[in-house]
Amino acid sequence: MISLFLFIIMMSFTTHFITFAHLSHTPHYNGGSNRDGMGKYYPYMALDPEYAAPNQPTQITFSVQDFDGKDVYNIETMVEIYQESTGERVKGFPWTLQDIGDFNLFYVFPYPGSYEIVLSVANDDKMVNHDQLDPPRSILSSISDCDCKRVIFNVTISDSWGPIRNSLLAISILFPITVLGSVLGKTYLKRRNQRSSTIPEKETLKYIIMLVALAGGLVHLAISPEHGSLQIYYSIFLMAAAGAQIAYGILYILINFSEDTYTSNNRNLILSQYRKRLALNLFGFIGTSVLIGLYAYSVIVAPPLSPDNKAENVDIAGILAKSVEIFLVIGIVYLMLWEKRKISDILINAKSS
């Protein structure tokens, strides 16, 4: 697991991968690409916000490239928006000479429902009516009377999809954390009631660390699809980080559910268990610190392999994940210092006796 985690980190800083498109994100709901291309070009389209709602300003981003993923320049484009239910053209952007194939348009979709966005690219900019719109068509892909290529993108505008998606994301994070917290809490109370004496020192903190580590992993697992739409290697990295954090939490459970060795008189056993705990805590401390550092780096400057070479936005999921990890680091450091003092006292007392 450690080797896999370090490998993913190194791969994330490798810059020879080709990004999927010159977009702020690779869309998985509204937008995408046309598999057949359009003549000698390959078009991409994305909405921002992706879960666009009616009466909300929406940015429509196009990226027209060649089939090697390189920029194209000085292309004449026309964009039309049709309402699917009526076939009516509700908006048109006239033939315009684009300096580069990456350009943005803005529109407020008036009603919920399905729309068809038609991108036209002229084969010869001298054969189109510059700054004018072609007449609307019943067959949207028709190129009769137009020396051009056309591609159609289907989008859905809805008031509910965005809140539904965000609610499902919150549930996918909070529900497993709540279940894990309940199970660990019941186990903790059961262990305490079964002991005739008081519970071992810092056992409460150990249970909290277990839960926080698992919670951090679940948060990364939940947000990995969203970052995968931005860049697939981000998703791979987040899934590896989630796996490492969940594995850390499970190993912590297995070690701490074993009998307390600090009450043993076997010096070798005490040292062996202490080394295992130390190695596990170091893994959690180093790995979590790396994740916090990478997040801070990504919101200040553009992260590696960024499609648009911009810093990431600070969002609620990111703040939640990093708050959990900062608490985890503090808890691990405190527990490591306590265990070091504890093992030193035990060994000194054993030596003097």
Protein backbone atom coordinates (compact mmCIF):
# COMPACT_ATOMS: atom_id res chain seq x y z
CA MET A 1 0.00 0.00 0.00
CA ILE A 2 2.83 2.42 0.83
CA SER A 3 4.56 1.60 -2.47
CA LEU A 4 1.34 2.16 -4.41
CA PHE A 5 0.69 5.46 -2.62
CA LEU A 6 4.20 6.78 -3.39
CA PHE A 7 3.95 5.57 -7.00
CA ILE A 8 0.71 7.51 -7.54
CA ILE A 9 2.29 10.65 -6.07
CA MET A 10 5.25 10.39 -8.44
CA MET A 11 2.95 9.76 -11.42
CA SER A 12 0.89 12.81 -10.49
CA PHE A 13 3.95 15.04 -10.88
CA THR A 14 4.87 13.51 -14.23
CA THR A 15 4.06 15.98 -16.99
CA HIS A 16 4.28 13.85 -20.14
CA PHE A 17 0.60 12.83 -20.09
CA ILE A 18 -1.70 14.51 -22.61
CA THR A 19 -4.75 16.22 -21.12
CA PHE A 20 -8.11 15.22 -22.56
CA ALA A 21 -9.20 18.67 -23.76
CA HIS A 22 -8.47 22.33 -23.33
CA LEU A 23 -11.38 22.66 -20.88
CA SER A 24 -11.64 23.53 -17.21
CA HIS A 25 -12.96 19.98 -16.75
CA THR A 26 -13.78 16.96 -18.88
CA PRO A 27 -17.59 16.84 -18.63
CA HIS A 28 -19.45 13.70 -17.63
CA TYR A 29 -23.03 15.07 -17.64
CA ASN A 30 -23.59 18.05 -19.93
CA GLY A 31 -21.13 18.14 -22.79
CA GLY A 32 -18.31 15.94 -23.96
CA SER A 33 -17.00 15.28 -27.43
CA ASN A 34 -18.23 13.99 -30.77
CA ARG A 35 -16.66 10.60 -31.47
CA ASP A 36 -16.53 11.10 -35.26
CA GLY A 37 -15.17 14.64 -35.20
CA MET A 38 -16.18 17.22 -37.75
CA GLY A 39 -14.07 17.09 -40.88
CA LYS A 40 -10.46 17.73 -39.92
CA TYR A 41 -11.40 18.98 -36.45
CA TYR A 42 -12.31 17.32 -33.17
CA PRO A 43 -14.75 19.35 -31.00
CA TYR A 44 -15.33 19.37 -27.23
CA MET A 45 -18.03 21.22 -25.32
CA ALA A 46 -18.70 21.79 -21.60
CA LEU A 47 -21.17 23.76 -19.51
CA ASP A 48 -20.15 25.64 -16.39
CA PRO A 49 -21.83 24.94 -14.04
CA GLU A 50 -22.15 21.43 -15.39
CA TYR A 51 -25.49 20.87 -13.63
CA ALA A 52 -26.93 24.05 -15.15
CA ALA A 53 -30.29 25.35 -13.99
CA PRO A 54 -32.81 27.56 -15.83
CA ASN A 55 -32.54 31.34 -15.42
CA GLN A 56 -28.94 30.91 -14.31
CA PRO A 57 -26.00 32.42 -16.23
CA THR A 58 -24.21 29.53 -17.91
CA GLN A 59 -20.86 29.49 -19.65
CA ILE A 60 -20.65 27.32 -22.77
CA THR A 61 -17.04 26.39 -23.49
CA PHE A 62 -15.91 24.97 -26.82
CA SER A 63 -12.54 23.46 -27.62
CA VAL A 64 -11.96 22.72 -31.30
CA GLN A 65 -8.72 20.83 -31.91
CA ASP A 66 -7.09 18.75 -34.55
CA PHE A 67 -7.04 14.97 -34.18
CA ASP A 68 -3.67 15.13 -32.40
CA GLY A 69 -5.14 17.31 -29.66
CA LYS A 70 -3.35 20.45 -30.82
CA ASP A 71 -4.75 23.98 -31.00
CA VAL A 72 -6.33 25.22 -34.20
CA TYR A 73 -6.42 28.90 -35.15
CA ASN A 74 -8.51 31.35 -37.19
CA ILE A 75 -11.62 29.23 -37.60
CA GLU A 76 -15.04 30.65 -38.46
CA THR A 77 -17.75 29.33 -36.15
CA MET A 78 -21.50 29.65 -35.64
CA VAL A 79 -23.36 28.34 -32.58
CA GLU A 80 -27.11 27.73 -32.30
CA ILE A 81 -29.24 26.55 -29.39
CA TYR A 82 -32.49 24.70 -30.09
CA GLN A 83 -35.15 23.67 -27.60
CA GLU A 84 -35.66 19.96 -28.16
CA SER A 85 -39.37 19.82 -27.23
CA THR A 86 -40.42 22.47 -29.76
CA GLY A 87 -37.58 22.40 -32.29
CA GLU A 88 -37.39 26.18 -31.98
CA ARG A 89 -34.06 27.98 -32.17
CA VAL A 90 -33.93 29.99 -28.95
CA LYS A 91 -30.48 31.53 -29.41
CA GLY A 92 -27.95 32.01 -32.16
CA PHE A 93 -24.38 33.27 -32.16
CA PRO A 94 -23.47 34.47 -35.69
CA TRP A 95 -20.51 33.43 -37.76
CA THR A 96 -17.44 34.70 -35.93
CA LEU A 97 -13.74 34.39 -36.68
CA GLN A 98 -12.14 32.75 -33.62
CA ASP A 99 -8.45 33.46 -33.07
CA ILE A 100 -8.12 30.03 -31.42
CA GLY A 101 -10.37 27.00 -31.22
CA ASP A 102 -10.90 27.46 -27.46
CA PHE A 103 -13.65 30.02 -26.88
CA ASN A 104 -16.51 30.75 -24.47
CA LEU A 105 -20.09 31.86 -24.99
CA PHE A 106 -22.67 32.82 -22.37
CA TYR A 107 -26.38 32.10 -22.25
CA VAL A 108 -29.24 31.92 -19.75
CA PHE A 109 -31.41 28.89 -20.53
CA PRO A 110 -35.01 30.05 -20.00
CA TYR A 111 -36.75 26.77 -19.16
CA PRO A 112 -35.88 23.33 -17.77
CA GLY A 113 -35.65 20.55 -20.30
CA SER A 114 -33.43 19.28 -23.09
CA TYR A 115 -31.60 21.53 -25.53
CA GLU A 116 -29.44 20.88 -28.58
CA ILE A 117 -26.36 23.01 -29.08
CA VAL A 118 -25.19 23.03 -32.70
CA LEU A 119 -21.61 24.03 -33.47
CA SER A 120 -20.81 24.87 -37.09
CA VAL A 121 -17.26 25.31 -38.38
CA ALA A 122 -16.72 26.70 -41.86
CA ASN A 123 -14.63 24.76 -44.34
CA ASP A 124 -13.74 28.09 -45.98
CA ASP A 125 -14.27 31.32 -44.07
CA LYS A 126 -14.85 33.14 -47.37
CA MET A 127 -17.95 31.05 -48.10
CA VAL A 128 -19.98 32.05 -45.02
CA ASN A 129 -21.83 35.20 -44.05
CA HIS A 130 -19.55 36.76 -41.45
CA ASP A 131 -21.37 38.31 -38.46
CA GLN A 132 -24.67 36.82 -39.64
CA LEU A 133 -26.82 33.82 -38.74
CA ASP A 134 -27.89 31.11 -41.11
CA PRO A 135 -31.66 30.43 -41.15
CA PRO A 136 -32.89 27.86 -38.60
CA ARG A 137 -33.29 24.28 -39.86
CA SER A 138 -35.60 21.38 -39.13
CA ILE A 139 -32.71 18.94 -39.67
CA LEU A 140 -30.05 20.37 -37.41
CA SER A 141 -27.13 18.49 -38.91
CA SER A 142 -27.99 19.52 -42.48
CA ILE A 143 -25.18 21.32 -44.31
CA SER A 144 -27.14 22.17 -47.43
CA ASP A 145 -26.36 25.72 -48.53
CA CYS A 146 -23.46 25.82 -46.06
CA ASP A 147 -19.82 25.09 -46.81
CA CYS A 148 -19.28 23.87 -43.25
CA LYS A 149 -19.26 20.96 -40.83
CA ARG A 150 -21.75 20.65 -37.97
CA VAL A 151 -21.89 18.74 -34.70
CA ILE A 152 -24.72 18.54 -32.15
CA PHE A 153 -24.32 18.45 -28.37
CA ASN A 154 -27.30 17.48 -26.19
CA VAL A 155 -27.64 19.11 -22.76
CA THR A 156 -30.24 18.91 -19.99
CA ILE A 157 -31.20 21.93 -17.90
CA SER A 158 -32.79 21.11 -14.57
CA ASP A 159 -33.60 22.72 -11.22
CA SER A 160 -33.11 19.46 -9.34
CA TRP A 161 -30.10 17.58 -10.71
CA GLY A 162 -27.55 19.80 -8.97
CA PRO A 163 -29.14 19.57 -5.48
CA ILE A 164 -29.78 15.84 -5.94
CA ARG A 165 -26.16 15.24 -6.87
CA ASN A 166 -24.88 17.32 -3.93
CA SER A 167 -27.28 15.58 -1.52
CA LEU A 168 -26.18 12.14 -2.68
CA LEU A 169 -22.55 13.16 -2.26
CA ALA A 170 -23.22 14.34 1.30
CA ILE A 171 -25.13 11.14 2.12
CA SER A 172 -22.38 8.95 0.66
CA ILE A 173 -19.89 10.60 3.04
CA LEU A 174 -21.97 11.08 6.19
CA PHE A 175 -23.85 7.77 6.27
CA PRO A 176 -20.80 5.44 6.33
CA ILE A 177 -19.05 7.74 8.82
CA THR A 178 -22.12 7.66 11.09
CA VAL A 179 -22.34 3.86 10.89
CA LEU A 180 -18.61 3.45 11.59
CA GLY A 181 -18.80 5.91 14.48
CA SER A 182 -21.73 4.00 16.00
CA VAL A 183 -19.95 0.64 15.68
CA LEU A 184 -16.71 1.96 17.16
CA GLY A 185 -18.61 3.73 19.93
CA LYS A 186 -20.50 0.59 20.92
CA THR A 187 -17.29 -1.46 20.81
CA TYR A 188 -15.55 1.11 22.97
CA LEU A 189 -18.34 1.09 25.59
CA LYS A 190 -18.44 -2.70 25.58
CA ARG A 191 -14.69 -2.96 26.15
CA ARG A 192 -14.89 -0.40 28.95
CA ASN A 193 -17.76 -2.19 30.70
CA GLN A 194 -15.95 -5.54 30.47
CA ARG A 195 -12.88 -4.21 32.29
CA SER A 196 -12.84 -4.34 36.03
CA SER A 197 -10.41 -1.43 36.16
CA THR A 198 -10.34 1.82 34.27
CA ILE A 199 -9.76 1.77 30.51
CA PRO A 200 -6.16 2.13 29.30
CA GLU A 201 -4.82 5.62 28.91
CA LYS A 202 -5.47 7.43 25.64
CA GLU A 203 -7.74 4.63 24.35
CA THR A 204 -10.44 7.22 23.66
CA LEU A 205 -7.99 9.15 21.44
CA LYS A 206 -7.09 5.93 19.62
CA TYR A 207 -10.74 5.30 18.77
CA ILE A 208 -11.11 8.86 17.51
CA ILE A 209 -8.04 8.45 15.29
CA MET A 210 -9.50 5.22 13.86
CA LEU A 211 -12.76 6.96 12.99
CA VAL A 212 -11.10 10.11 11.60
CA ALA A 213 -8.75 8.07 9.37
CA LEU A 214 -11.65 6.06 7.96
CA ALA A 215 -13.69 9.25 7.53
CA GLY A 216 -10.88 10.90 5.58
CA GLY A 217 -10.66 7.91 3.28
CA LEU A 218 -14.41 7.93 2.67
CA VAL A 219 -14.35 11.65 1.85
CA HIS A 220 -11.59 11.12 -0.73
CA LEU A 221 -13.46 8.14 -2.17
CA ALA A 222 -16.66 10.20 -2.50
CA ILE A 223 -15.02 13.15 -4.26
CA SER A 224 -12.81 11.09 -6.59
CA PRO A 225 -15.41 10.90 -9.43
CA GLU A 226 -15.80 14.68 -9.46
CA HIS A 227 -12.02 15.19 -9.75
CA GLY A 228 -11.88 12.41 -12.32
CA SER A 229 -13.98 14.59 -14.61
CA LEU A 230 -11.33 17.30 -14.27
CA GLN A 231 -8.41 14.95 -14.90
CA ILE A 232 -8.45 11.14 -14.74
CA TYR A 233 -5.11 10.99 -12.91
CA TYR A 234 -6.56 13.11 -10.10
CA SER A 235 -9.24 10.46 -9.63
CA ILE A 236 -6.63 7.69 -9.54
CA PHE A 237 -4.60 9.60 -6.96
CA LEU A 238 -7.64 10.28 -4.75
CA MET A 239 -8.70 6.63 -4.90
CA ALA A 240 -5.19 5.55 -3.91
CA ALA A 241 -5.20 8.08 -1.05
CA ALA A 242 -8.63 6.83 0.06
CA GLY A 243 -7.40 3.23 -0.01
CA ALA A 244 -4.32 4.12 2.03
CA GLN A 245 -6.36 6.02 4.64
CA ILE A 246 -8.96 3.26 4.96
CA ALA A 247 -6.18 0.64 5.21
CA TYR A 248 -4.53 2.75 7.92
CA GLY A 249 -7.78 2.95 9.86
CA ILE A 250 -8.39 -0.82 9.56
CA LEU A 251 -4.84 -1.65 10.66
CA TYR A 252 -5.26 0.73 13.58
CA ILE A 253 -8.43 -1.12 14.57
CA LEU A 254 -6.69 -4.51 14.38
CA ILE A 255 -3.72 -3.38 16.46
CA ASN A 256 -5.74 -1.55 19.09
CA PHE A 257 -8.30 -4.32 19.46
CA SER A 258 -5.50 -6.64 20.55
CA GLU A 259 -4.63 -6.96 24.23
CA ASP A 260 -2.84 -4.07 25.86
CA THR A 261 0.85 -4.99 25.96
CA TYR A 262 1.94 -2.17 28.24
CA THR A 263 0.85 -4.25 31.23
CA SER A 264 3.05 -7.16 30.14
CA ASN A 265 6.37 -7.99 31.83
CA ASN A 266 7.86 -9.20 28.55
CA ARG A 267 10.29 -6.47 27.46
CA ASN A 268 10.70 -7.83 23.92
CA LEU A 269 6.94 -8.02 23.43
CA ILE A 270 6.52 -4.45 24.61
CA LEU A 271 9.22 -3.19 22.22
CA SER A 272 7.82 -5.22 19.31
CA GLN A 273 4.31 -3.82 19.75
CA TYR A 274 5.67 -0.30 20.20
CA ARG A 275 7.62 -0.53 16.92
CA LYS A 276 4.49 -1.70 15.09
CA ARG A 277 2.46 1.19 16.49
CA LEU A 278 5.25 3.63 15.67
CA ALA A 279 5.55 2.40 12.06
CA LEU A 280 1.79 2.62 11.62
CA ASN A 281 1.63 6.11 13.12
CA LEU A 282 4.52 7.31 10.96
CA PHE A 283 2.75 6.01 7.87
CA GLY A 284 -0.41 7.88 8.85
CA PHE A 285 1.49 11.05 9.76
CA ILE A 286 3.63 11.20 6.59
CA GLY A 287 0.83 10.21 4.22
CA THR A 288 -1.68 12.64 5.71
CA SER A 289 0.86 15.47 5.79
CA VAL A 290 1.58 14.88 2.09
CA LEU A 291 -2.14 15.08 1.28
CA ILE A 292 -2.52 18.33 3.22
CA GLY A 293 0.55 19.79 1.48
CA LEU A 294 -0.68 18.78 -1.99
CA TYR A 295 -4.08 20.34 -1.32
CA ALA A 296 -2.50 23.60 -0.16
CA TYR A 297 -0.31 23.58 -3.28
CA SER A 298 -3.25 22.92 -5.63
CA VAL A 299 -5.37 25.82 -4.31
CA ILE A 300 -2.45 28.29 -4.48
CA VAL A 301 -0.96 27.39 -7.88
CA ALA A 302 -2.05 25.14 -10.73
CA PRO A 303 -1.69 21.45 -9.77
CA PRO A 304 0.28 19.05 -12.00
CA LEU A 305 -1.54 17.98 -15.19
CA SER A 306 -4.11 20.79 -14.80
CA PRO A 307 -6.16 21.07 -18.04
CA ASP A 308 -6.47 24.85 -17.79
CA ASN A 309 -3.31 25.65 -15.77
CA LYS A 310 -5.36 27.22 -12.96
CA ALA A 311 -5.44 26.67 -9.21
CA GLU A 312 -8.33 24.57 -7.92
CA ASN A 313 -11.30 26.22 -6.27
CA VAL A 314 -11.73 25.89 -2.51
CA ASP A 315 -14.96 23.94 -1.92
CA ILE A 316 -16.83 22.49 1.05
CA ALA A 317 -15.68 18.90 0.36
CA GLY A 318 -12.04 19.99 0.25
CA ILE A 319 -12.34 22.00 3.47
CA LEU A 320 -14.05 19.06 5.18
CA ALA A 321 -11.40 16.58 4.04
CA LYS A 322 -8.48 18.80 5.08
CA SER A 323 -10.05 19.67 8.45
CA VAL A 324 -10.37 15.96 9.18
CA GLU A 325 -6.77 15.36 8.11
CA ILE A 326 -5.36 18.25 10.16
CA PHE A 327 -7.13 16.87 13.24
CA LEU A 328 -5.76 13.43 12.37
CA VAL A 329 -2.17 14.73 12.16
CA ILE A 330 -2.49 16.50 15.51
CA GLY A 331 -3.92 13.35 17.13
CA ILE A 332 -1.19 11.12 15.68
CA VAL A 333 1.61 13.45 16.84
CA TYR A 334 0.14 13.68 20.35
CA LEU A 335 -0.29 9.91 20.57
CA MET A 336 3.26 9.24 19.29
CA LEU A 337 4.74 11.58 21.91
CA TRP A 338 2.64 9.98 24.64
CA GLU A 339 3.58 6.42 23.63
CA LYS A 340 7.26 7.38 23.51
CA ARG A 341 7.11 8.70 27.08
CA LYS A 342 5.06 5.70 28.14
CA ILE A 343 7.46 3.12 26.71
CA SER A 344 10.45 4.96 28.19
CA ASP A 345 8.90 4.91 31.68
CA ILE A 346 8.03 1.20 31.38
CA LEU A 347 11.53 0.23 30.25
CA ILE A 348 13.19 2.36 32.98
CA ASN A 349 11.00 0.81 35.65
CA ALA A 350 11.63 -2.68 34.30
CA LYS A 351 15.39 -2.08 34.27
CA SER A 352 15.46 -0.68 37.84
CA SER A 353 13.39 -3.56 39.15
